[in-house]
Every structure is written in C-alpha cells, then in structure tokens.
Amino acid sequence: MNDKPRLIVVDDHPLYRDGVVRTLQDSGLFDVIGAGADCQSALKLARAHMPEVALLDISMPGGGLAALSEMREKFPDIKVIMLTASENDADVLAAMNSGAQGYVLKGVGGRELAGIVADVAAGGSYVAPSLAARVLLSVQDKETRTAGSAIKSLTKREEQVLRLVTAGRSNKEIAIELDLQEKTIKHHMTSVLSKLKVRNRVEAAVLARDFWS
C-alpha cells in the first residue's frame, strides 16, 4: 500500500515547476500527482485528486492567494504551501491569514524543500526564517495599533479608571479616590473590558501598560 503524501505543484514557469516536481518525486517521500500553471488549474487538480499538499506560486495567473482562499474554503483538508519569490510582508501575512501552512522562498535547496513539505504534510507549518521575524513584528505592530485605537475610544472617566486599575488600585480604592460609588466604577470597568475586548481587569491593565509605556 502506498501511503506517501500526494502533491500537486502549480507554477507558471515550466522549467522551475518541472524542477520542483522532479526534486520532490526523486526524494522518494512523495507522489507528485499533478502540475499546473494557474489558479484555475490548481482548483481543477485539487478537485480531481484531493492531494494532501498543494504547492502554489503567489504570482501565477489568476493569483496564488485567490487559489489558496478558494482551496481552503472548498477543500479544507488540503495543506497549502506557498512557494514563491515574493518577500513582501503583505503577501506573507495574507497567505498565513488565509490558511497557508507554509511560506517558502524559491531560493530554497531541493533537500530542504523536501523536508519542509514532509513536515507540513505531517501537520507542521513553516515560514522562511528570513521572513518570520519581520512577520512577527508586523503582527505585533498591528496589535499595538488596534489596542491604541481601543484605548483612545475610552471616555475620559474610563481612561481615568483604567489608569488607576493599571496602578493596582481596587474598585473600592478607585471609588474613594474619584469620589464615586463602587458600583459606578464597576460599570465603567465593564465598559472598558468591552471596548478593549479583554476578559478581565488584569488583561486590561497589561494592555494599557504596554500601550502607555
């Protein structure tokens, strides 16, 4: 019984595509069961063969990201690896957010590529090391901007309460300091938690401290 992962490779550059197919087939780890050149052929191959893994180029006709999105929607069991020359942060984030399990740059060696595909086929994920740190920073920057927008949406009183919570004050202590009833402080904190989309005052304090520091 043949239990090797079955692959399809879709890239509009014939020489490169044929080289990838040959490299992966010769590794003895996979069965490459189809190859194509564009978004439409990627979807046809996926539908016809239901491979375990699909390797897609981002810049192929019809768009690799479009193929990825539709493949994830219609064939969610297929693991998708973007094999591309694009080092654009937006492309990497779009691919990973759309459900790609791997993002591999075309300069990778044959043996390394086979290892990456094998890991993804087994349930792992991969982002080219030269891109991983940049992507993490981009995600963190986005989270910071989102937190900043949420904190800026607080009323002056809510911000005042949150600053005291961040300083470690209890609702009772805040009520005394602001000359308000404790239930009013609780009401403000409920609103703060909702606006910041956090579960409790500890998470709110951490988020605010990171933003204000």
C-alpha atoms as a PDB file:
ATOM      1  CA  MET A   1       0.000   0.000   0.000  1.00  0.00           C
ATOM      2  CA  ASN A   2       1.352   3.450  -0.962  1.00  0.00           C
ATOM      3  CA  ASP A   3       0.981   5.874   1.947  1.00  0.00           C
ATOM      4  CA  LYS A   4       3.221   8.651   0.614  1.00  0.00           C
ATOM      5  CA  PRO A   5       1.681  12.136   0.723  1.00  0.00           C
ATOM      6  CA  ARG A   6       0.277  13.109  -2.686  1.00  0.00           C
ATOM      7  CA  LEU A   7       1.214  16.530  -4.002  1.00  0.00           C
ATOM      8  CA  ILE A   8       0.284  18.984  -6.716  1.00  0.00           C
ATOM      9  CA  VAL A   9       2.629  21.751  -7.887  1.00  0.00           C
ATOM     10  CA  VAL A  10       1.260  24.883  -9.553  1.00  0.00           C
ATOM     11  CA  ASP A  11       3.623  27.480 -11.052  1.00  0.00           C
ATOM     12  CA  ASP A  12       3.537  29.307 -14.376  1.00  0.00           C
ATOM     13  CA  HIS A  13       7.287  28.917 -15.027  1.00  0.00           C
ATOM     14  CA  PRO A  14       7.623  25.480 -16.708  1.00  0.00           C
ATOM     15  CA  LEU A  15      11.342  24.954 -16.070  1.00  0.00           C
ATOM     16  CA  TYR A  16      11.076  25.815 -12.386  1.00  0.00           C
ATOM     17  CA  ARG A  17       7.861  23.806 -11.955  1.00  0.00           C
ATOM     18  CA  ASP A  18       9.375  20.757 -13.657  1.00  0.00           C
ATOM     19  CA  GLY A  19      12.457  21.037 -11.436  1.00  0.00           C
ATOM     20  CA  VAL A  20      10.350  21.117  -8.277  1.00  0.00           C
ATOM     21  CA  VAL A  21       8.274  18.164  -9.449  1.00  0.00           C
ATOM     22  CA  ARG A  22      11.380  16.147 -10.256  1.00  0.00           C
ATOM     23  CA  THR A  23      13.092  17.074  -6.963  1.00  0.00           C
ATOM     24  CA  LEU A  24      10.132  16.067  -4.831  1.00  0.00           C
ATOM     25  CA  GLN A  25       9.404  12.917  -6.805  1.00  0.00           C
ATOM     26  CA  ASP A  26      13.060  11.839  -6.713  1.00  0.00           C
ATOM     27  CA  SER A  27      13.182  12.335  -2.940  1.00  0.00           C
ATOM     28  CA  GLY A  28      11.093   9.188  -2.637  1.00  0.00           C
ATOM     29  CA  LEU A  29       8.971  10.840   0.048  1.00  0.00           C
ATOM     30  CA  PHE A  30       6.021  11.905  -2.103  1.00  0.00           C
ATOM     31  CA  ASP A  31       3.862  11.158  -5.104  1.00  0.00           C
ATOM     32  CA  VAL A  32       3.513  14.237  -7.297  1.00  0.00           C
ATOM     33  CA  ILE A  33       0.173  13.537  -8.952  1.00  0.00           C
ATOM     34  CA  GLY A  34      -0.392  16.732 -10.898  1.00  0.00           C
ATOM     35  CA  ALA A  35       1.100  20.022 -12.054  1.00  0.00           C
ATOM     36  CA  GLY A  36      -0.465  23.204 -13.359  1.00  0.00           C
ATOM     37  CA  ALA A  37       0.257  26.797 -14.285  1.00  0.00           C
ATOM     38  CA  ASP A  38      -2.576  28.960 -12.944  1.00  0.00           C
ATOM     39  CA  CYS A  39      -5.340  29.416 -10.384  1.00  0.00           C
ATOM     40  CA  GLN A  40      -7.913  27.553 -12.449  1.00  0.00           C
ATOM     41  CA  SER A  41      -5.681  24.518 -12.948  1.00  0.00           C
ATOM     42  CA  ALA A  42      -4.841  24.491  -9.223  1.00  0.00           C
ATOM     43  CA  LEU A  43      -8.507  24.206  -8.331  1.00  0.00           C
ATOM     44  CA  LYS A  44      -9.162  21.588 -11.017  1.00  0.00           C
ATOM     45  CA  LEU A  45      -6.260  19.466  -9.769  1.00  0.00           C
ATOM     46  CA  ALA A  46      -7.426  19.835  -6.181  1.00  0.00           C
ATOM     47  CA  ARG A  47     -10.949  18.774  -7.080  1.00  0.00           C
ATOM     48  CA  ALA A  48      -9.839  15.855  -9.234  1.00  0.00           C
ATOM     49  CA  HIS A  49      -7.143  14.397  -6.974  1.00  0.00           C
ATOM     50  CA  MET A  50      -7.687  15.736  -3.428  1.00  0.00           C
ATOM     51  CA  PRO A  51      -3.953  15.735  -2.676  1.00  0.00           C
ATOM     52  CA  GLU A  52      -2.595  16.001   0.837  1.00  0.00           C
ATOM     53  CA  VAL A  53      -0.441  19.021  -0.096  1.00  0.00           C
ATOM     54  CA  ALA A  54      -0.575  21.746  -2.754  1.00  0.00           C
ATOM     55  CA  LEU A  55       2.430  23.920  -3.613  1.00  0.00           C
ATOM     56  CA  LEU A  56       1.294  27.224  -5.136  1.00  0.00           C
ATOM     57  CA  ASP A  57       3.133  30.213  -6.559  1.00  0.00           C
ATOM     58  CA  ILE A  58       1.711  33.589  -5.495  1.00  0.00           C
ATOM     59  CA  SER A  59       2.285  35.375  -8.821  1.00  0.00           C
ATOM     60  CA  MET A  60       0.786  32.778 -11.162  1.00  0.00           C
ATOM     61  CA  PRO A  61      -2.082  33.825 -13.485  1.00  0.00           C
ATOM     62  CA  GLY A  62      -5.323  34.169 -11.561  1.00  0.00           C
ATOM     63  CA  GLY A  63      -3.386  34.703  -8.348  1.00  0.00           C
ATOM     64  CA  GLY A  64      -1.927  32.220  -5.918  1.00  0.00           C
ATOM     65  CA  LEU A  65      -3.665  33.883  -2.987  1.00  0.00           C
ATOM     66  CA  ALA A  66      -7.012  33.577  -4.771  1.00  0.00           C
ATOM     67  CA  ALA A  67      -6.319  29.885  -5.357  1.00  0.00           C
ATOM     68  CA  LEU A  68      -5.332  29.488  -1.708  1.00  0.00           C
ATOM     69  CA  SER A  69      -8.510  31.130  -0.406  1.00  0.00           C
ATOM     70  CA  GLU A  70     -10.805  29.081  -2.608  1.00  0.00           C
ATOM     71  CA  MET A  71      -8.907  25.888  -1.892  1.00  0.00           C
ATOM     72  CA  ARG A  72      -9.139  26.430   1.853  1.00  0.00           C
ATOM     73  CA  GLU A  73     -12.875  27.057   1.538  1.00  0.00           C
ATOM     74  CA  LYS A  74     -13.713  24.147  -0.771  1.00  0.00           C
ATOM     75  CA  PHE A  75     -11.002  21.629   0.162  1.00  0.00           C
ATOM     76  CA  PRO A  76     -10.030  22.406   3.774  1.00  0.00           C
ATOM     77  CA  ASP A  77      -8.167  19.124   4.239  1.00  0.00           C
ATOM     78  CA  ILE A  78      -5.544  20.085   1.639  1.00  0.00           C
ATOM     79  CA  LYS A  79      -2.459  21.633   3.214  1.00  0.00           C
ATOM     80  CA  VAL A  80      -1.193  24.560   1.156  1.00  0.00           C
ATOM     81  CA  ILE A  81       2.397  25.758   0.838  1.00  0.00           C
ATOM     82  CA  MET A  82       3.155  28.989  -0.973  1.00  0.00           C
ATOM     83  CA  LEU A  83       6.398  28.503  -2.946  1.00  0.00           C
ATOM     84  CA  THR A  84       7.296  31.945  -4.212  1.00  0.00           C
ATOM     85  CA  ALA A  85       9.908  34.603  -4.855  1.00  0.00           C
ATOM     86  CA  SER A  86       7.877  37.263  -3.039  1.00  0.00           C
ATOM     87  CA  GLU A  87       9.384  38.533   0.210  1.00  0.00           C
ATOM     88  CA  ASN A  88       6.659  41.142   0.591  1.00  0.00           C
ATOM     89  CA  ASP A  89       5.364  41.245   4.179  1.00  0.00           C
ATOM     90  CA  ALA A  90       1.809  41.816   2.960  1.00  0.00           C
ATOM     91  CA  ASP A  91       1.967  38.663   0.827  1.00  0.00           C
ATOM     92  CA  VAL A  92       3.275  36.578   3.729  1.00  0.00           C
ATOM     93  CA  LEU A  93       0.611  37.862   6.127  1.00  0.00           C
ATOM     94  CA  ALA A  94      -2.147  37.454   3.534  1.00  0.00           C
ATOM     95  CA  ALA A  95      -1.059  33.874   2.871  1.00  0.00           C
ATOM     96  CA  MET A  96      -0.860  32.876   6.522  1.00  0.00           C
ATOM     97  CA  ASN A  97      -4.116  34.650   7.395  1.00  0.00           C
ATOM     98  CA  SER A  98      -5.822  32.825   4.519  1.00  0.00           C
ATOM     99  CA  GLY A  99      -4.766  29.473   5.924  1.00  0.00           C
ATOM    100  CA  ALA A 100      -1.473  28.569   4.236  1.00  0.00           C
ATOM    101  CA  GLN A 101       0.552  26.101   6.291  1.00  0.00           C
ATOM    102  CA  GLY A 102       3.832  27.121   4.680  1.00  0.00           C
ATOM    103  CA  TYR A 103       5.564  30.066   3.014  1.00  0.00           C
ATOM    104  CA  VAL A 104       8.762  29.032   1.230  1.00  0.00           C
ATOM    105  CA  LEU A 105      11.090  31.227  -0.831  1.00  0.00           C
ATOM    106  CA  LYS A 106      12.182  29.877  -4.201  1.00  0.00           C
ATOM    107  CA  GLY A 107      15.867  30.058  -3.336  1.00  0.00           C
ATOM    108  CA  VAL A 108      15.469  27.027  -1.045  1.00  0.00           C
ATOM    109  CA  GLY A 109      17.514  23.921  -1.843  1.00  0.00           C
ATOM    110  CA  GLY A 110      15.920  20.688  -3.020  1.00  0.00           C
ATOM    111  CA  ARG A 111      16.686  18.651   0.100  1.00  0.00           C
ATOM    112  CA  GLU A 112      15.443  21.420   2.387  1.00  0.00           C
ATOM    113  CA  LEU A 113      12.275  21.824   0.339  1.00  0.00           C
ATOM    114  CA  ALA A 114      11.548  18.107   0.620  1.00  0.00           C
ATOM    115  CA  GLY A 115      12.000  18.304   4.390  1.00  0.00           C
ATOM    116  CA  ILE A 116       9.676  21.295   4.664  1.00  0.00           C
ATOM    117  CA  VAL A 117       6.985  19.626   2.568  1.00  0.00           C
ATOM    118  CA  ALA A 118       7.276  16.446   4.642  1.00  0.00           C
ATOM    119  CA  ASP A 119       6.867  18.442   7.871  1.00  0.00           C
ATOM    120  CA  VAL A 120       3.814  20.292   6.560  1.00  0.00           C
ATOM    121  CA  ALA A 121       2.297  17.036   5.273  1.00  0.00           C
ATOM    122  CA  ALA A 122       2.701  15.654   8.796  1.00  0.00           C
ATOM    123  CA  GLY A 123       0.808  18.610  10.281  1.00  0.00           C
ATOM    124  CA  GLY A 124       3.554  21.187  10.812  1.00  0.00           C
ATOM    125  CA  SER A 125       3.946  24.705   9.481  1.00  0.00           C
ATOM    126  CA  TYR A 126       6.801  26.750   8.060  1.00  0.00           C
ATOM    127  CA  VAL A 127       7.712  30.351   7.289  1.00  0.00           C
ATOM    128  CA  ALA A 128      11.076  31.180   5.722  1.00  0.00           C
ATOM    129  CA  PRO A 129      13.391  32.261   8.590  1.00  0.00           C
ATOM    130  CA  SER A 130      14.352  35.487   6.799  1.00  0.00           C
ATOM    131  CA  LEU A 131      10.669  36.497   6.870  1.00  0.00           C
ATOM    132  CA  ALA A 132       9.494  35.109  10.209  1.00  0.00           C
ATOM    133  CA  ALA A 133      10.889  37.883  12.432  1.00  0.00           C
ATOM    134  CA  ARG A 134       9.511  40.608  10.153  1.00  0.00           C
ATOM    135  CA  VAL A 135       6.093  38.991  10.087  1.00  0.00           C
ATOM    136  CA  LEU A 136       6.054  38.704  13.895  1.00  0.00           C
ATOM    137  CA  LEU A 137       6.961  42.389  14.229  1.00  0.00           C
ATOM    138  CA  SER A 138       4.251  43.312  11.735  1.00  0.00           C
ATOM    139  CA  VAL A 139       1.655  41.343  13.689  1.00  0.00           C
ATOM    140  CA  GLN A 140       2.785  42.914  16.955  1.00  0.00           C
ATOM    141  CA  ASP A 141       2.642  46.405  15.410  1.00  0.00           C
ATOM    142  CA  LYS A 142      -0.898  45.701  14.181  1.00  0.00           C
ATOM    143  CA  GLU A 143      -1.941  44.502  17.640  1.00  0.00           C
ATOM    144  CA  THR A 144      -0.420  47.631  19.204  1.00  0.00           C
ATOM    145  CA  ARG A 145      -2.273  49.871  16.756  1.00  0.00           C
ATOM    146  CA  THR A 146      -5.525  48.001  17.469  1.00  0.00           C
ATOM    147  CA  ALA A 147      -5.016  48.339  21.221  1.00  0.00           C
ATOM    148  CA  GLY A 148      -4.198  52.016  20.785  1.00  0.00           C
ATOM    149  CA  SER A 149      -7.416  52.654  18.859  1.00  0.00           C
ATOM    150  CA  ALA A 150      -9.432  50.852  21.530  1.00  0.00           C
ATOM    151  CA  ILE A 151      -7.810  52.773  24.378  1.00  0.00           C
ATOM    152  CA  LYS A 152      -8.316  56.065  22.544  1.00  0.00           C
ATOM    153  CA  SER A 153     -12.036  55.228  22.277  1.00  0.00           C
ATOM    154  CA  LEU A 154     -12.399  55.294  26.079  1.00  0.00           C
ATOM    155  CA  THR A 155     -14.135  58.229  27.697  1.00  0.00           C
ATOM    156  CA  LYS A 156     -12.041  60.459  29.966  1.00  0.00           C
ATOM    157  CA  ARG A 157     -13.590  58.846  33.039  1.00  0.00           C
ATOM    158  CA  GLU A 158     -12.988  55.306  31.683  1.00  0.00           C
ATOM    159  CA  GLU A 159      -9.358  56.154  30.969  1.00  0.00           C
ATOM    160  CA  GLN A 160      -9.021  57.601  34.454  1.00  0.00           C
ATOM    161  CA  VAL A 161     -10.404  54.393  35.964  1.00  0.00           C
ATOM    162  CA  LEU A 162      -8.177  52.224  33.777  1.00  0.00           C
ATOM    163  CA  ARG A 163      -5.058  54.177  34.759  1.00  0.00           C
ATOM    164  CA  LEU A 164      -5.859  53.552  38.418  1.00  0.00           C
ATOM    165  CA  VAL A 165      -6.509  49.866  37.722  1.00  0.00           C
ATOM    166  CA  THR A 166      -3.136  49.734  35.964  1.00  0.00           C
ATOM    167  CA  ALA A 167      -1.605  51.246  39.106  1.00  0.00           C
ATOM    168  CA  GLY A 168      -3.004  48.315  41.077  1.00  0.00           C
ATOM    169  CA  ARG A 169      -5.962  50.002  42.753  1.00  0.00           C
ATOM    170  CA  SER A 170      -9.110  48.056  43.664  1.00  0.00           C
ATOM    171  CA  ASN A 171     -12.590  49.223  42.669  1.00  0.00           C
ATOM    172  CA  LYS A 172     -13.183  50.379  46.241  1.00  0.00           C
ATOM    173  CA  GLU A 173      -9.954  52.389  46.314  1.00  0.00           C
ATOM    174  CA  ILE A 174     -10.737  53.930  42.928  1.00  0.00           C
ATOM    175  CA  ALA A 175     -14.236  54.862  44.095  1.00  0.00           C
ATOM    176  CA  ILE A 176     -12.822  56.645  47.148  1.00  0.00           C
ATOM    177  CA  GLU A 177     -10.170  58.480  45.123  1.00  0.00           C
ATOM    178  CA  LEU A 178     -12.640  59.644  42.466  1.00  0.00           C
ATOM    179  CA  ASP A 179     -15.439  60.278  44.967  1.00  0.00           C
ATOM    180  CA  LEU A 180     -17.779  57.892  43.145  1.00  0.00           C
ATOM    181  CA  GLN A 181     -19.827  54.881  44.187  1.00  0.00           C
ATOM    182  CA  GLU A 182     -18.153  51.498  43.814  1.00  0.00           C
ATOM    183  CA  LYS A 183     -20.963  50.266  41.551  1.00  0.00           C
ATOM    184  CA  THR A 184     -20.212  53.181  39.212  1.00  0.00           C
ATOM    185  CA  ILE A 185     -16.589  52.060  38.989  1.00  0.00           C
ATOM    186  CA  LYS A 186     -17.766  48.530  38.197  1.00  0.00           C
ATOM    187  CA  HIS A 187     -19.968  49.948  35.436  1.00  0.00           C
ATOM    188  CA  HIS A 188     -17.017  51.854  33.944  1.00  0.00           C
ATOM    189  CA  MET A 189     -14.806  48.746  34.102  1.00  0.00           C
ATOM    190  CA  THR A 190     -17.452  46.669  32.311  1.00  0.00           C
ATOM    191  CA  SER A 191     -17.401  49.236  29.510  1.00  0.00           C
ATOM    192  CA  VAL A 192     -13.584  49.276  29.448  1.00  0.00           C
ATOM    193  CA  LEU A 193     -13.365  45.488  29.174  1.00  0.00           C
ATOM    194  CA  SER A 194     -15.893  45.514  26.337  1.00  0.00           C
ATOM    195  CA  LYS A 195     -14.083  48.229  24.371  1.00  0.00           C
ATOM    196  CA  LEU A 196     -10.657  46.620  24.819  1.00  0.00           C
ATOM    197  CA  LYS A 197     -12.059  43.148  24.075  1.00  0.00           C
ATOM    198  CA  VAL A 198     -10.360  41.592  27.095  1.00  0.00           C
ATOM    199  CA  ARG A 199     -11.717  39.177  29.680  1.00  0.00           C
ATOM    200  CA  ASN A 200     -10.703  40.778  32.968  1.00  0.00           C
ATOM    201  CA  ARG A 201      -9.032  43.754  34.641  1.00  0.00           C
ATOM    202  CA  VAL A 202      -5.613  42.071  34.637  1.00  0.00           C
ATOM    203  CA  GLU A 203      -5.630  41.759  30.847  1.00  0.00           C
ATOM    204  CA  ALA A 204      -6.896  45.344  30.571  1.00  0.00           C
ATOM    205  CA  ALA A 205      -4.058  46.562  32.783  1.00  0.00           C
ATOM    206  CA  VAL A 206      -1.417  44.686  30.807  1.00  0.00           C
ATOM    207  CA  LEU A 207      -2.760  46.017  27.510  1.00  0.00           C
ATOM    208  CA  ALA A 208      -2.886  49.582  28.804  1.00  0.00           C
ATOM    209  CA  ARG A 209       0.548  49.381  30.426  1.00  0.00           C
ATOM    210  CA  ASP A 210       2.114  48.183  27.162  1.00  0.00           C
ATOM    211  CA  PHE A 211       0.421  50.993  25.235  1.00  0.00           C
ATOM    212  CA  TRP A 212       1.227  53.765  27.720  1.00  0.00           C
ATOM    213  CA  SER A 213       4.809  52.661  28.445  1.00  0.00           C
END
